[in-house]
Every structure is written in C-alpha cells, then in structure tokens.
Amino acid sequence: MSDIIKLCIVIAVALFLMFSIISEFKKPQKDMFWFSIDVMFLLAAFLLIKDYIIKHVM
C-alpha cells in the first residue's frame, strides 16, 4: 500500500512540475535556473515512475 502512495505523490509532483514548466514558457523573460531545476526534477520523477512500472507491472 505504501508503494501506491509513493507513486501517487510522485505523479502529483510530476504534474506540478509540468505545469510549472509550461507557465515558465509563457513568461516573456524566462528564468533558466528555475527552468533547469524543474526539468531535472521532472526527469527524476519520470525515472521513479518507470522503475515502479518495471518493478510492479512487468
């Protein structure tokens, strides 16, 4: 059960980061530091989701 809760938290964080990246693209003056931090954490979230799928589904 705790794995499902962790997965839900990671998915929620990934969704927040995707919307944060989209909102950063809408700004006329982009802050590349925060954009790169968001992308780095989004990639980490995708890797955690991938590991969960490989571990529990396949």
PDB file of N, CA and C in Angstrom:
ATOM      1  N   MET A   1       0.819  -1.203   0.000  1.00  0.00           N
ATOM      2  CA  MET A   1       0.000   0.000   0.000  1.00  0.00           C
ATOM      3  C   MET A   1       0.856   1.256   0.000  1.00  0.00           C
ATOM      4  N   SER A   2       1.979   1.210   0.668  1.00  0.00           N
ATOM      5  CA  SER A   2       2.821   2.403   0.723  1.00  0.00           C
ATOM      6  C   SER A   2       3.438   2.715  -0.636  1.00  0.00           C
ATOM      7  N   ASP A   3       3.645   1.674  -1.470  1.00  0.00           N
ATOM      8  CA  ASP A   3       4.179   1.923  -2.810  1.00  0.00           C
ATOM      9  C   ASP A   3       3.193   2.714  -3.659  1.00  0.00           C
ATOM     10  N   ILE A   4       1.917   2.451  -3.496  1.00  0.00           N
ATOM     11  CA  ILE A   4       0.900   3.177  -4.258  1.00  0.00           C
ATOM     12  C   ILE A   4       0.849   4.635  -3.811  1.00  0.00           C
ATOM     13  N   ILE A   5       0.993   4.869  -2.519  1.00  0.00           N
ATOM     14  CA  ILE A   5       1.002   6.247  -2.012  1.00  0.00           C
ATOM     15  C   ILE A   5       2.216   6.995  -2.541  1.00  0.00           C
ATOM     16  N   LYS A   6       3.382   6.337  -2.537  1.00  0.00           N
ATOM     17  CA  LYS A   6       4.588   6.960  -3.087  1.00  0.00           C
ATOM     18  C   LYS A   6       4.408   7.281  -4.565  1.00  0.00           C
ATOM     19  N   LEU A   7       3.801   6.351  -5.309  1.00  0.00           N
ATOM     20  CA  LEU A   7       3.565   6.585  -6.733  1.00  0.00           C
ATOM     21  C   LEU A   7       2.631   7.765  -6.945  1.00  0.00           C
ATOM     22  N   CYS A   8       1.579   7.868  -6.155  1.00  0.00           N
ATOM     23  CA  CYS A   8       0.651   9.000  -6.275  1.00  0.00           C
ATOM     24  C   CYS A   8       1.343  10.323  -5.971  1.00  0.00           C
ATOM     25  N   ILE A   9       2.215  10.330  -4.974  1.00  0.00           N
ATOM     26  CA  ILE A   9       2.950  11.554  -4.647  1.00  0.00           C
ATOM     27  C   ILE A   9       3.885  11.933  -5.783  1.00  0.00           C
ATOM     28  N   VAL A  10       4.580  10.956  -6.353  1.00  0.00           N
ATOM     29  CA  VAL A  10       5.495  11.237  -7.465  1.00  0.00           C
ATOM     30  C   VAL A  10       4.723  11.738  -8.676  1.00  0.00           C
ATOM     31  N   ILE A  11       3.567  11.164  -8.962  1.00  0.00           N
ATOM     32  CA  ILE A  11       2.753  11.619 -10.093  1.00  0.00           C
ATOM     33  C   ILE A  11       2.255  13.036  -9.849  1.00  0.00           C
ATOM     34  N   ALA A  12       1.844  13.343  -8.621  1.00  0.00           N
ATOM     35  CA  ALA A  12       1.388  14.703  -8.309  1.00  0.00           C
ATOM     36  C   ALA A  12       2.520  15.714  -8.472  1.00  0.00           C
ATOM     37  N   VAL A  13       3.709  15.357  -8.020  1.00  0.00           N
ATOM     38  CA  VAL A  13       4.865  16.250  -8.180  1.00  0.00           C
ATOM     39  C   VAL A  13       5.199  16.423  -9.655  1.00  0.00           C
ATOM     40  N   ALA A  14       5.129  15.341 -10.423  1.00  0.00           N
ATOM     41  CA  ALA A  14       5.416  15.425 -11.855  1.00  0.00           C
ATOM     42  C   ALA A  14       4.409  16.328 -12.562  1.00  0.00           C
ATOM     43  N   LEU A  15       3.142  16.231 -12.193  1.00  0.00           N
ATOM     44  CA  LEU A  15       2.135  17.109 -12.794  1.00  0.00           C
ATOM     45  C   LEU A  15       2.394  18.570 -12.442  1.00  0.00           C
ATOM     46  N   PHE A  16       2.732  18.828 -11.189  1.00  0.00           N
ATOM     47  CA  PHE A  16       3.055  20.194 -10.778  1.00  0.00           C
ATOM     48  C   PHE A  16       4.240  20.734 -11.567  1.00  0.00           C
ATOM     49  N   LEU A  17       5.266  19.907 -11.740  1.00  0.00           N
ATOM     50  CA  LEU A  17       6.452  20.355 -12.474  1.00  0.00           C
ATOM     51  C   LEU A  17       6.145  20.602 -13.948  1.00  0.00           C
ATOM     52  N   MET A  18       5.290  19.772 -14.547  1.00  0.00           N
ATOM     53  CA  MET A  18       4.926  20.003 -15.952  1.00  0.00           C
ATOM     54  C   MET A  18       4.200  21.329 -16.106  1.00  0.00           C
ATOM     55  N   PHE A  19       3.268  21.621 -15.205  1.00  0.00           N
ATOM     56  CA  PHE A  19       2.560  22.899 -15.286  1.00  0.00           C
ATOM     57  C   PHE A  19       3.489  24.071 -14.984  1.00  0.00           C
ATOM     58  N   SER A  20       4.458  23.859 -14.120  1.00  0.00           N
ATOM     59  CA  SER A  20       5.441  24.901 -13.830  1.00  0.00           C
ATOM     60  C   SER A  20       6.297  25.199 -15.057  1.00  0.00           C
ATOM     61  N   ILE A  21       6.688  24.161 -15.778  1.00  0.00           N
ATOM     62  CA  ILE A  21       7.477  24.353 -16.999  1.00  0.00           C
ATOM     63  C   ILE A  21       6.650  25.052 -18.060  1.00  0.00           C
ATOM     64  N   ILE A  22       5.389  24.678 -18.201  1.00  0.00           N
ATOM     65  CA  ILE A  22       4.512  25.333 -19.180  1.00  0.00           C
ATOM     66  C   ILE A  22       4.339  26.803 -18.840  1.00  0.00           C
ATOM     67  N   SER A  23       4.149  27.115 -17.566  1.00  0.00           N
ATOM     68  CA  SER A  23       3.986  28.522 -17.183  1.00  0.00           C
ATOM     69  C   SER A  23       5.278  29.305 -17.381  1.00  0.00           C
ATOM     70  N   GLU A  24       6.413  28.649 -17.254  1.00  0.00           N
ATOM     71  CA  GLU A  24       7.697  29.328 -17.493  1.00  0.00           C
ATOM     72  C   GLU A  24       7.848  29.684 -18.971  1.00  0.00           C
ATOM     73  N   PHE A  25       7.324  28.835 -19.862  1.00  0.00           N
ATOM     74  CA  PHE A  25       7.379  29.136 -21.293  1.00  0.00           C
ATOM     75  C   PHE A  25       6.479  30.310 -21.662  1.00  0.00           C
ATOM     76  N   LYS A  26       5.423  30.539 -20.891  1.00  0.00           N
ATOM     77  CA  LYS A  26       4.505  31.637 -21.198  1.00  0.00           C
ATOM     78  C   LYS A  26       5.067  32.994 -20.807  1.00  0.00           C
ATOM     79  N   LYS A  27       6.067  33.008 -19.928  1.00  0.00           N
ATOM     80  CA  LYS A  27       6.648  34.273 -19.480  1.00  0.00           C
ATOM     81  C   LYS A  27       7.525  34.875 -20.583  1.00  0.00           C
ATOM     82  N   PRO A  28       7.494  36.210 -20.739  1.00  0.00           N
ATOM     83  CA  PRO A  28       8.381  36.824 -21.739  1.00  0.00           C
ATOM     84  C   PRO A  28       9.855  36.739 -21.327  1.00  0.00           C
ATOM     85  N   GLN A  29      10.126  36.870 -20.031  1.00  0.00           N
ATOM     86  CA  GLN A  29      11.504  36.762 -19.532  1.00  0.00           C
ATOM     87  C   GLN A  29      11.621  35.445 -18.770  1.00  0.00           C
ATOM     88  N   LYS A  30      12.296  34.481 -19.373  1.00  0.00           N
ATOM     89  CA  LYS A  30      12.387  33.153 -18.774  1.00  0.00           C
ATOM     90  C   LYS A  30      13.579  33.074 -17.823  1.00  0.00           C
ATOM     91  N   ASP A  31      13.365  32.456 -16.678  1.00  0.00           N
ATOM     92  CA  ASP A  31      14.434  32.243 -15.711  1.00  0.00           C
ATOM     93  C   ASP A  31      14.984  30.834 -15.936  1.00  0.00           C
ATOM     94  N   MET A  32      16.134  30.746 -16.566  1.00  0.00           N
ATOM     95  CA  MET A  32      16.678  29.447 -16.956  1.00  0.00           C
ATOM     96  C   MET A  32      17.117  28.613 -15.752  1.00  0.00           C
ATOM     97  N   PHE A  33      17.465  29.263 -14.648  1.00  0.00           N
ATOM     98  CA  PHE A  33      17.857  28.496 -13.464  1.00  0.00           C
ATOM     99  C   PHE A  33      16.685  27.650 -12.967  1.00  0.00           C
ATOM    100  N   TRP A  34      15.526  28.270 -12.748  1.00  0.00           N
ATOM    101  CA  TRP A  34      14.370  27.522 -12.244  1.00  0.00           C
ATOM    102  C   TRP A  34      13.847  26.549 -13.284  1.00  0.00           C
ATOM    103  N   PHE A  35      13.955  26.916 -14.559  1.00  0.00           N
ATOM    104  CA  PHE A  35      13.534  26.006 -15.625  1.00  0.00           C
ATOM    105  C   PHE A  35      14.383  24.735 -15.599  1.00  0.00           C
ATOM    106  N   SER A  36      15.696  24.885 -15.458  1.00  0.00           N
ATOM    107  CA  SER A  36      16.569  23.710 -15.447  1.00  0.00           C
ATOM    108  C   SER A  36      16.342  22.860 -14.195  1.00  0.00           C
ATOM    109  N   ILE A  37      16.073  23.500 -13.064  1.00  0.00           N
ATOM    110  CA  ILE A  37      15.761  22.742 -11.843  1.00  0.00           C
ATOM    111  C   ILE A  37      14.468  21.953 -12.030  1.00  0.00           C
ATOM    112  N   ASP A  38      13.447  22.586 -12.608  1.00  0.00           N
ATOM    113  CA  ASP A  38      12.171  21.900 -12.856  1.00  0.00           C
ATOM    114  C   ASP A  38      12.357  20.712 -13.787  1.00  0.00           C
ATOM    115  N   VAL A  39      13.122  20.898 -14.849  1.00  0.00           N
ATOM    116  CA  VAL A  39      13.343  19.811 -15.804  1.00  0.00           C
ATOM    117  C   VAL A  39      14.101  18.662 -15.140  1.00  0.00           C
ATOM    118  N   MET A  40      15.082  18.985 -14.325  1.00  0.00           N
ATOM    119  CA  MET A  40      15.864  17.950 -13.656  1.00  0.00           C
ATOM    120  C   MET A  40      14.974  17.121 -12.720  1.00  0.00           C
ATOM    121  N   PHE A  41      14.134  17.783 -11.930  1.00  0.00           N
ATOM    122  CA  PHE A  41      13.247  17.044 -11.030  1.00  0.00           C
ATOM    123  C   PHE A  41      12.162  16.288 -11.798  1.00  0.00           C
ATOM    124  N   LEU A  42      11.719  16.827 -12.925  1.00  0.00           N
ATOM    125  CA  LEU A  42      10.731  16.120 -13.739  1.00  0.00           C
ATOM    126  C   LEU A  42      11.328  14.836 -14.314  1.00  0.00           C
ATOM    127  N   LEU A  43      12.563  14.899 -14.769  1.00  0.00           N
ATOM    128  CA  LEU A  43      13.223  13.687 -15.257  1.00  0.00           C
ATOM    129  C   LEU A  43      13.382  12.659 -14.139  1.00  0.00           C
ATOM    130  N   ALA A  44      13.711  13.117 -12.946  1.00  0.00           N
ATOM    131  CA  ALA A  44      13.825  12.202 -11.809  1.00  0.00           C
ATOM    132  C   ALA A  44      12.474  11.557 -11.491  1.00  0.00           C
ATOM    133  N   ALA A  45      11.404  12.334 -11.572  1.00  0.00           N
ATOM    134  CA  ALA A  45      10.066  11.785 -11.318  1.00  0.00           C
ATOM    135  C   ALA A  45       9.704  10.750 -12.376  1.00  0.00           C
ATOM    136  N   PHE A  46      10.030  11.030 -13.643  1.00  0.00           N
ATOM    137  CA  PHE A  46       9.755  10.051 -14.699  1.00  0.00           C
ATOM    138  C   PHE A  46      10.554   8.766 -14.484  1.00  0.00           C
ATOM    139  N   LEU A  47      11.787   8.890 -14.023  1.00  0.00           N
ATOM    140  CA  LEU A  47      12.586   7.694 -13.752  1.00  0.00           C
ATOM    141  C   LEU A  47      12.000   6.890 -12.595  1.00  0.00           C
ATOM    142  N   LEU A  48      11.508   7.553 -11.565  1.00  0.00           N
ATOM    143  CA  LEU A  48      10.869   6.841 -10.456  1.00  0.00           C
ATOM    144  C   LEU A  48       9.601   6.128 -10.907  1.00  0.00           C
ATOM    145  N   ILE A  49       8.811   6.783 -11.763  1.00  0.00           N
ATOM    146  CA  ILE A  49       7.593   6.153 -12.284  1.00  0.00           C
ATOM    147  C   ILE A  49       7.954   4.953 -13.145  1.00  0.00           C
ATOM    148  N   LYS A  50       8.990   5.095 -13.972  1.00  0.00           N
ATOM    149  CA  LYS A  50       9.434   3.989 -14.824  1.00  0.00           C
ATOM    150  C   LYS A  50       9.896   2.804 -13.977  1.00  0.00           C
ATOM    151  N   ASP A  51      10.667   3.073 -12.935  1.00  0.00           N
ATOM    152  CA  ASP A  51      11.126   1.994 -12.056  1.00  0.00           C
ATOM    153  C   ASP A  51       9.960   1.301 -11.367  1.00  0.00           C
ATOM    154  N   TYR A  52       8.954   2.067 -10.957  1.00  0.00           N
ATOM    155  CA  TYR A  52       7.780   1.467 -10.327  1.00  0.00           C
ATOM    156  C   TYR A  52       7.055   0.550 -11.311  1.00  0.00           C
ATOM    157  N   ILE A  53       6.898   1.021 -12.547  1.00  0.00           N
ATOM    158  CA  ILE A  53       6.198   0.212 -13.552  1.00  0.00           C
ATOM    159  C   ILE A  53       6.967  -1.065 -13.840  1.00  0.00           C
ATOM    160  N   ILE A  54       8.277  -0.960 -13.987  1.00  0.00           N
ATOM    161  CA  ILE A  54       9.083  -2.150 -14.264  1.00  0.00           C
ATOM    162  C   ILE A  54       9.033  -3.122 -13.083  1.00  0.00           C
ATOM    163  N   LYS A  55       9.065  -2.601 -11.869  1.00  0.00           N
ATOM    164  CA  LYS A  55       9.100  -3.455 -10.679  1.00  0.00           C
ATOM    165  C   LYS A  55       7.762  -4.138 -10.405  1.00  0.00           C
ATOM    166  N   HIS A  56       6.647  -3.430 -10.609  1.00  0.00           N
ATOM    167  CA  HIS A  56       5.356  -3.957 -10.174  1.00  0.00           C
ATOM    168  C   HIS A  56       4.460  -4.470 -11.303  1.00  0.00           C
ATOM    169  N   VAL A  57       4.667  -3.998 -12.505  1.00  0.00           N
ATOM    170  CA  VAL A  57       3.760  -4.402 -13.579  1.00  0.00           C
ATOM    171  C   VAL A  57       4.356  -5.536 -14.401  1.00  0.00           C
ATOM    172  N   MET A  58       5.628  -5.448 -14.684  1.00  0.00           N
ATOM    173  CA  MET A  58       6.243  -6.460 -15.555  1.00  0.00           C
ATOM    174  C   MET A  58       6.896  -7.551 -14.757  1.00  0.00           C
TER     175      MET A  58
END
